[in-house]
Amino acid sequence: MNKQNMALEPVKFYDIYAPLPLEEPLSLWLIAGIAALCGVIILLILFFLRKKKKKISPYWQTTLQKIEALSPLQQQNPPLYIEEINNLLRSYIETRFDLYPTKQTTNEFFHSKKLLENKEIQQFQQELRHLFDQADMIKFAHLSPTKEQLAQMEESISLFVRQTIPQTRENNKTRRPL
């Protein structure tokens, strides 16, 4: 046998085992059922694992709500009311203006470089100074505030928060033409 004849002759293979019988192919209904079951499982997983989106209120709205919630405390415990509303005001200023009155005394806050550089809060500095001084006198000198002083303080803080709401497209009623 030469090489040319070998290339032309077909190679014969012999089975070691007899052909294995295959079971009937999977029916189309079984495949569709498995796919539907997988789809339902995936949907259930997504439904239960997704994070429930809570509507997050803007910080100024939350602050105003907390001021209203503190209102009954005026008559029950005025010193505690003053302390709470003062802390609320300081926290609002920290969040809104990126200043840190919660970590400073009143004098440190009003002499801080960041406050002096912040043009947005400059117009309210005198009113804030008055509010902080009143709160300090009640808190540290143990002065007893009158109901009128407490009501005026609450109104001043609420007004300050309302006046300092950041202007966004939603809040801004006058829009520039495109």
C-alpha atoms as a PDB file:
ATOM      1  CA  MET A   1       0.000   0.000   0.000  1.00  0.00           C
ATOM      2  CA  ASN A   2       1.343   3.257  -0.897  1.00  0.00           C
ATOM      3  CA  LYS A   3       0.436   6.626   0.516  1.00  0.00           C
ATOM      4  CA  GLN A   4      -1.815   7.625  -2.338  1.00  0.00           C
ATOM      5  CA  ASN A   5      -4.079   4.570  -1.960  1.00  0.00           C
ATOM      6  CA  MET A   6      -4.408   5.073   1.795  1.00  0.00           C
ATOM      7  CA  ALA A   7      -5.621   8.593   1.411  1.00  0.00           C
ATOM      8  CA  LEU A   8      -8.386   7.456  -0.906  1.00  0.00           C
ATOM      9  CA  GLU A   9      -9.634   4.539   1.177  1.00  0.00           C
ATOM     10  CA  PRO A  10     -12.263   5.458   3.764  1.00  0.00           C
ATOM     11  CA  VAL A  11     -11.409   4.709   7.339  1.00  0.00           C
ATOM     12  CA  LYS A  12     -13.816   2.361   9.037  1.00  0.00           C
ATOM     13  CA  PHE A  13     -14.672   2.773  12.717  1.00  0.00           C
ATOM     14  CA  TYR A  14     -16.088  -0.016  14.826  1.00  0.00           C
ATOM     15  CA  ASP A  15     -18.277   0.667  17.871  1.00  0.00           C
ATOM     16  CA  ILE A  16     -17.076  -0.689  21.160  1.00  0.00           C
ATOM     17  CA  TYR A  17     -20.541  -0.378  22.637  1.00  0.00           C
ATOM     18  CA  ALA A  18     -23.832  -0.579  20.940  1.00  0.00           C
ATOM     19  CA  PRO A  19     -25.538   2.775  20.342  1.00  0.00           C
ATOM     20  CA  LEU A  20     -27.186   4.110  23.491  1.00  0.00           C
ATOM     21  CA  PRO A  21     -30.897   4.740  23.227  1.00  0.00           C
ATOM     22  CA  LEU A  22     -31.858   8.356  24.003  1.00  0.00           C
ATOM     23  CA  GLU A  23     -34.932   9.110  25.977  1.00  0.00           C
ATOM     24  CA  GLU A  24     -37.639  11.085  24.284  1.00  0.00           C
ATOM     25  CA  PRO A  25     -36.664  14.706  23.765  1.00  0.00           C
ATOM     26  CA  LEU A  26     -37.998  17.223  26.283  1.00  0.00           C
ATOM     27  CA  SER A  27     -41.408  18.396  25.320  1.00  0.00           C
ATOM     28  CA  LEU A  28     -41.978  22.024  24.453  1.00  0.00           C
ATOM     29  CA  TRP A  29     -44.442  22.343  27.358  1.00  0.00           C
ATOM     30  CA  LEU A  30     -41.842  21.204  29.862  1.00  0.00           C
ATOM     31  CA  ILE A  31     -39.288  23.738  28.583  1.00  0.00           C
ATOM     32  CA  ALA A  32     -41.872  26.540  28.652  1.00  0.00           C
ATOM     33  CA  GLY A  33     -42.910  25.555  32.194  1.00  0.00           C
ATOM     34  CA  ILE A  34     -39.322  25.631  33.463  1.00  0.00           C
ATOM     35  CA  ALA A  35     -38.738  29.030  31.816  1.00  0.00           C
ATOM     36  CA  ALA A  36     -41.940  30.434  33.340  1.00  0.00           C
ATOM     37  CA  LEU A  37     -41.010  29.114  36.775  1.00  0.00           C
ATOM     38  CA  CYS A  38     -37.559  30.736  36.535  1.00  0.00           C
ATOM     39  CA  GLY A  39     -39.194  34.001  35.460  1.00  0.00           C
ATOM     40  CA  VAL A  40     -41.581  33.948  38.419  1.00  0.00           C
ATOM     41  CA  ILE A  41     -38.720  33.205  40.838  1.00  0.00           C
ATOM     42  CA  ILE A  42     -36.654  36.090  39.438  1.00  0.00           C
ATOM     43  CA  LEU A  43     -39.625  38.474  39.696  1.00  0.00           C
ATOM     44  CA  LEU A  44     -40.269  37.427  43.313  1.00  0.00           C
ATOM     45  CA  ILE A  45     -36.627  37.936  44.202  1.00  0.00           C
ATOM     46  CA  LEU A  46     -36.628  41.383  42.615  1.00  0.00           C
ATOM     47  CA  PHE A  47     -39.886  42.296  44.324  1.00  0.00           C
ATOM     48  CA  PHE A  48     -38.740  41.322  47.817  1.00  0.00           C
ATOM     49  CA  LEU A  49     -35.135  42.467  47.568  1.00  0.00           C
ATOM     50  CA  ARG A  50     -35.676  45.842  46.011  1.00  0.00           C
ATOM     51  CA  LYS A  51     -35.246  48.708  48.378  1.00  0.00           C
ATOM     52  CA  LYS A  52     -38.428  50.509  49.114  1.00  0.00           C
ATOM     53  CA  LYS A  53     -37.950  54.068  48.034  1.00  0.00           C
ATOM     54  CA  LYS A  54     -38.927  56.378  50.818  1.00  0.00           C
ATOM     55  CA  LYS A  55     -39.898  59.857  49.948  1.00  0.00           C
ATOM     56  CA  ILE A  56     -37.176  61.926  51.506  1.00  0.00           C
ATOM     57  CA  SER A  57     -38.295  65.345  52.615  1.00  0.00           C
ATOM     58  CA  PRO A  58     -35.940  68.248  52.067  1.00  0.00           C
ATOM     59  CA  TYR A  59     -34.071  69.238  55.227  1.00  0.00           C
ATOM     60  CA  TRP A  60     -35.828  72.611  55.477  1.00  0.00           C
ATOM     61  CA  GLN A  61     -39.213  70.912  55.375  1.00  0.00           C
ATOM     62  CA  THR A  62     -38.100  68.440  58.036  1.00  0.00           C
ATOM     63  CA  THR A  63     -36.831  71.325  60.164  1.00  0.00           C
ATOM     64  CA  LEU A  64     -40.148  73.160  59.919  1.00  0.00           C
ATOM     65  CA  GLN A  65     -42.009  69.979  60.865  1.00  0.00           C
ATOM     66  CA  LYS A  66     -39.758  69.472  63.887  1.00  0.00           C
ATOM     67  CA  ILE A  67     -40.335  73.076  64.985  1.00  0.00           C
ATOM     68  CA  GLU A  68     -44.081  72.478  64.877  1.00  0.00           C
ATOM     69  CA  ALA A  69     -43.668  69.214  66.772  1.00  0.00           C
ATOM     70  CA  LEU A  70     -41.710  71.004  69.511  1.00  0.00           C
ATOM     71  CA  SER A  71     -44.394  73.661  69.955  1.00  0.00           C
ATOM     72  CA  PRO A  72     -46.293  71.913  72.803  1.00  0.00           C
ATOM     73  CA  LEU A  73     -43.056  71.763  74.786  1.00  0.00           C
ATOM     74  CA  GLN A  74     -43.161  75.586  75.153  1.00  0.00           C
ATOM     75  CA  GLN A  75     -45.612  75.434  78.042  1.00  0.00           C
ATOM     76  CA  GLN A  76     -44.491  72.111  79.508  1.00  0.00           C
ATOM     77  CA  ASN A  77     -40.745  72.715  79.821  1.00  0.00           C
ATOM     78  CA  PRO A  78     -39.490  76.063  78.418  1.00  0.00           C
ATOM     79  CA  PRO A  79     -35.760  75.499  79.118  1.00  0.00           C
ATOM     80  CA  LEU A  80     -35.844  72.127  77.350  1.00  0.00           C
ATOM     81  CA  TYR A  81     -37.827  73.692  74.499  1.00  0.00           C
ATOM     82  CA  ILE A  82     -35.215  76.436  74.075  1.00  0.00           C
ATOM     83  CA  GLU A  83     -32.380  73.907  74.102  1.00  0.00           C
ATOM     84  CA  GLU A  84     -34.109  71.692  71.523  1.00  0.00           C
ATOM     85  CA  ILE A  85     -35.110  74.507  69.187  1.00  0.00           C
ATOM     86  CA  ASN A  86     -31.631  76.046  69.443  1.00  0.00           C
ATOM     87  CA  ASN A  87     -30.052  72.687  68.541  1.00  0.00           C
ATOM     88  CA  LEU A  88     -32.493  72.386  65.663  1.00  0.00           C
ATOM     89  CA  LEU A  89     -31.539  75.833  64.371  1.00  0.00           C
ATOM     90  CA  ARG A  90     -27.834  75.060  64.669  1.00  0.00           C
ATOM     91  CA  SER A  91     -28.288  71.751  62.830  1.00  0.00           C
ATOM     92  CA  TYR A  92     -30.236  73.487  60.074  1.00  0.00           C
ATOM     93  CA  ILE A  93     -27.489  76.084  59.626  1.00  0.00           C
ATOM     94  CA  GLU A  94     -24.894  73.327  59.508  1.00  0.00           C
ATOM     95  CA  THR A  95     -26.798  71.433  56.820  1.00  0.00           C
ATOM     96  CA  ARG A  96     -27.948  74.408  54.761  1.00  0.00           C
ATOM     97  CA  PHE A  97     -24.874  76.622  54.820  1.00  0.00           C
ATOM     98  CA  ASP A  98     -22.078  74.108  55.503  1.00  0.00           C
ATOM     99  CA  LEU A  99     -21.155  75.972  58.693  1.00  0.00           C
ATOM    100  CA  TYR A 100     -20.559  74.283  62.039  1.00  0.00           C
ATOM    101  CA  PRO A 101     -22.432  76.054  64.849  1.00  0.00           C
ATOM    102  CA  THR A 102     -23.161  72.706  66.533  1.00  0.00           C
ATOM    103  CA  LYS A 103     -19.466  72.293  67.260  1.00  0.00           C
ATOM    104  CA  GLN A 104     -18.816  75.884  68.350  1.00  0.00           C
ATOM    105  CA  THR A 105     -19.889  78.283  71.033  1.00  0.00           C
ATOM    106  CA  THR A 106     -21.987  81.241  69.938  1.00  0.00           C
ATOM    107  CA  ASN A 107     -18.984  83.601  69.981  1.00  0.00           C
ATOM    108  CA  GLU A 108     -16.778  81.150  68.089  1.00  0.00           C
ATOM    109  CA  PHE A 109     -19.477  80.711  65.472  1.00  0.00           C
ATOM    110  CA  PHE A 110     -20.008  84.433  64.885  1.00  0.00           C
ATOM    111  CA  HIS A 111     -16.274  85.076  64.652  1.00  0.00           C
ATOM    112  CA  SER A 112     -15.540  82.113  62.405  1.00  0.00           C
ATOM    113  CA  LYS A 113     -13.921  82.772  59.072  1.00  0.00           C
ATOM    114  CA  LYS A 114     -16.421  80.564  57.240  1.00  0.00           C
ATOM    115  CA  LEU A 115     -19.364  82.607  58.511  1.00  0.00           C
ATOM    116  CA  LEU A 116     -17.726  85.884  57.547  1.00  0.00           C
ATOM    117  CA  GLU A 117     -17.043  84.554  54.034  1.00  0.00           C
ATOM    118  CA  ASN A 118     -20.579  83.216  53.543  1.00  0.00           C
ATOM    119  CA  LYS A 119     -22.458  85.981  51.722  1.00  0.00           C
ATOM    120  CA  GLU A 120     -25.770  84.122  51.754  1.00  0.00           C
ATOM    121  CA  ILE A 121     -26.157  84.163  55.555  1.00  0.00           C
ATOM    122  CA  GLN A 122     -24.778  87.677  56.122  1.00  0.00           C
ATOM    123  CA  GLN A 123     -28.202  89.347  55.947  1.00  0.00           C
ATOM    124  CA  PHE A 124     -29.439  87.113  58.789  1.00  0.00           C
ATOM    125  CA  GLN A 125     -26.403  87.429  61.042  1.00  0.00           C
ATOM    126  CA  GLN A 126     -27.884  90.040  63.388  1.00  0.00           C
ATOM    127  CA  GLU A 127     -31.135  88.100  63.849  1.00  0.00           C
ATOM    128  CA  LEU A 128     -29.244  84.828  64.393  1.00  0.00           C
ATOM    129  CA  ARG A 129     -26.991  86.512  66.931  1.00  0.00           C
ATOM    130  CA  HIS A 130     -30.070  87.677  68.849  1.00  0.00           C
ATOM    131  CA  LEU A 131     -31.631  84.178  68.764  1.00  0.00           C
ATOM    132  CA  PHE A 132     -28.418  82.468  69.896  1.00  0.00           C
ATOM    133  CA  ASP A 133     -27.842  85.008  72.670  1.00  0.00           C
ATOM    134  CA  GLN A 134     -31.405  84.562  73.952  1.00  0.00           C
ATOM    135  CA  ALA A 135     -30.995  80.801  73.952  1.00  0.00           C
ATOM    136  CA  ASP A 136     -27.655  81.078  75.771  1.00  0.00           C
ATOM    137  CA  MET A 137     -29.144  83.364  78.430  1.00  0.00           C
ATOM    138  CA  ILE A 138     -31.988  80.933  79.073  1.00  0.00           C
ATOM    139  CA  LYS A 139     -29.745  77.891  78.960  1.00  0.00           C
ATOM    140  CA  PHE A 140     -26.751  79.102  80.937  1.00  0.00           C
ATOM    141  CA  ALA A 141     -28.027  82.034  83.031  1.00  0.00           C
ATOM    142  CA  HIS A 142     -31.265  80.161  83.819  1.00  0.00           C
ATOM    143  CA  LEU A 143     -33.483  83.083  82.873  1.00  0.00           C
ATOM    144  CA  SER A 144     -37.172  82.263  82.613  1.00  0.00           C
ATOM    145  CA  PRO A 145     -38.522  83.211  79.189  1.00  0.00           C
ATOM    146  CA  THR A 146     -42.007  84.614  78.782  1.00  0.00           C
ATOM    147  CA  LYS A 147     -44.574  82.950  76.545  1.00  0.00           C
ATOM    148  CA  GLU A 148     -44.243  85.860  74.128  1.00  0.00           C
ATOM    149  CA  GLN A 149     -40.466  85.400  73.916  1.00  0.00           C
ATOM    150  CA  LEU A 150     -40.879  81.700  73.212  1.00  0.00           C
ATOM    151  CA  ALA A 151     -43.503  82.313  70.530  1.00  0.00           C
ATOM    152  CA  GLN A 152     -41.388  85.061  68.969  1.00  0.00           C
ATOM    153  CA  MET A 153     -38.333  82.782  68.950  1.00  0.00           C
ATOM    154  CA  GLU A 154     -40.263  79.998  67.265  1.00  0.00           C
ATOM    155  CA  GLU A 155     -41.662  82.392  64.663  1.00  0.00           C
ATOM    156  CA  SER A 156     -38.225  83.917  63.999  1.00  0.00           C
ATOM    157  CA  ILE A 157     -36.621  80.513  63.495  1.00  0.00           C
ATOM    158  CA  SER A 158     -39.459  79.345  61.225  1.00  0.00           C
ATOM    159  CA  LEU A 159     -39.191  82.542  59.206  1.00  0.00           C
ATOM    160  CA  PHE A 160     -35.412  82.163  58.922  1.00  0.00           C
ATOM    161  CA  VAL A 161     -35.826  78.606  57.606  1.00  0.00           C
ATOM    162  CA  ARG A 162     -38.488  79.678  55.092  1.00  0.00           C
ATOM    163  CA  GLN A 163     -36.374  82.604  53.896  1.00  0.00           C
ATOM    164  CA  THR A 164     -33.304  80.446  53.378  1.00  0.00           C
ATOM    165  CA  ILE A 165     -34.863  77.671  51.313  1.00  0.00           C
ATOM    166  CA  PRO A 166     -32.444  77.152  48.420  1.00  0.00           C
ATOM    167  CA  GLN A 167     -33.735  78.317  45.076  1.00  0.00           C
ATOM    168  CA  THR A 168     -34.115  75.414  42.674  1.00  0.00           C
ATOM    169  CA  ARG A 169     -36.007  75.112  39.439  1.00  0.00           C
ATOM    170  CA  GLU A 170     -38.976  73.724  41.349  1.00  0.00           C
ATOM    171  CA  ASN A 171     -38.896  76.570  43.890  1.00  0.00           C
ATOM    172  CA  ASN A 172     -38.066  79.301  41.412  1.00  0.00           C
ATOM    173  CA  LYS A 173     -41.227  80.624  39.790  1.00  0.00           C
ATOM    174  CA  THR A 174     -39.483  82.920  37.355  1.00  0.00           C
ATOM    175  CA  ARG A 175     -37.705  80.882  34.752  1.00  0.00           C
ATOM    176  CA  ARG A 176     -35.247  82.165  32.235  1.00  0.00           C
ATOM    177  CA  PRO A 177     -36.290  81.835  28.588  1.00  0.00           C
ATOM    178  CA  LEU A 178     -34.536  79.118  26.629  1.00  0.00           C
END
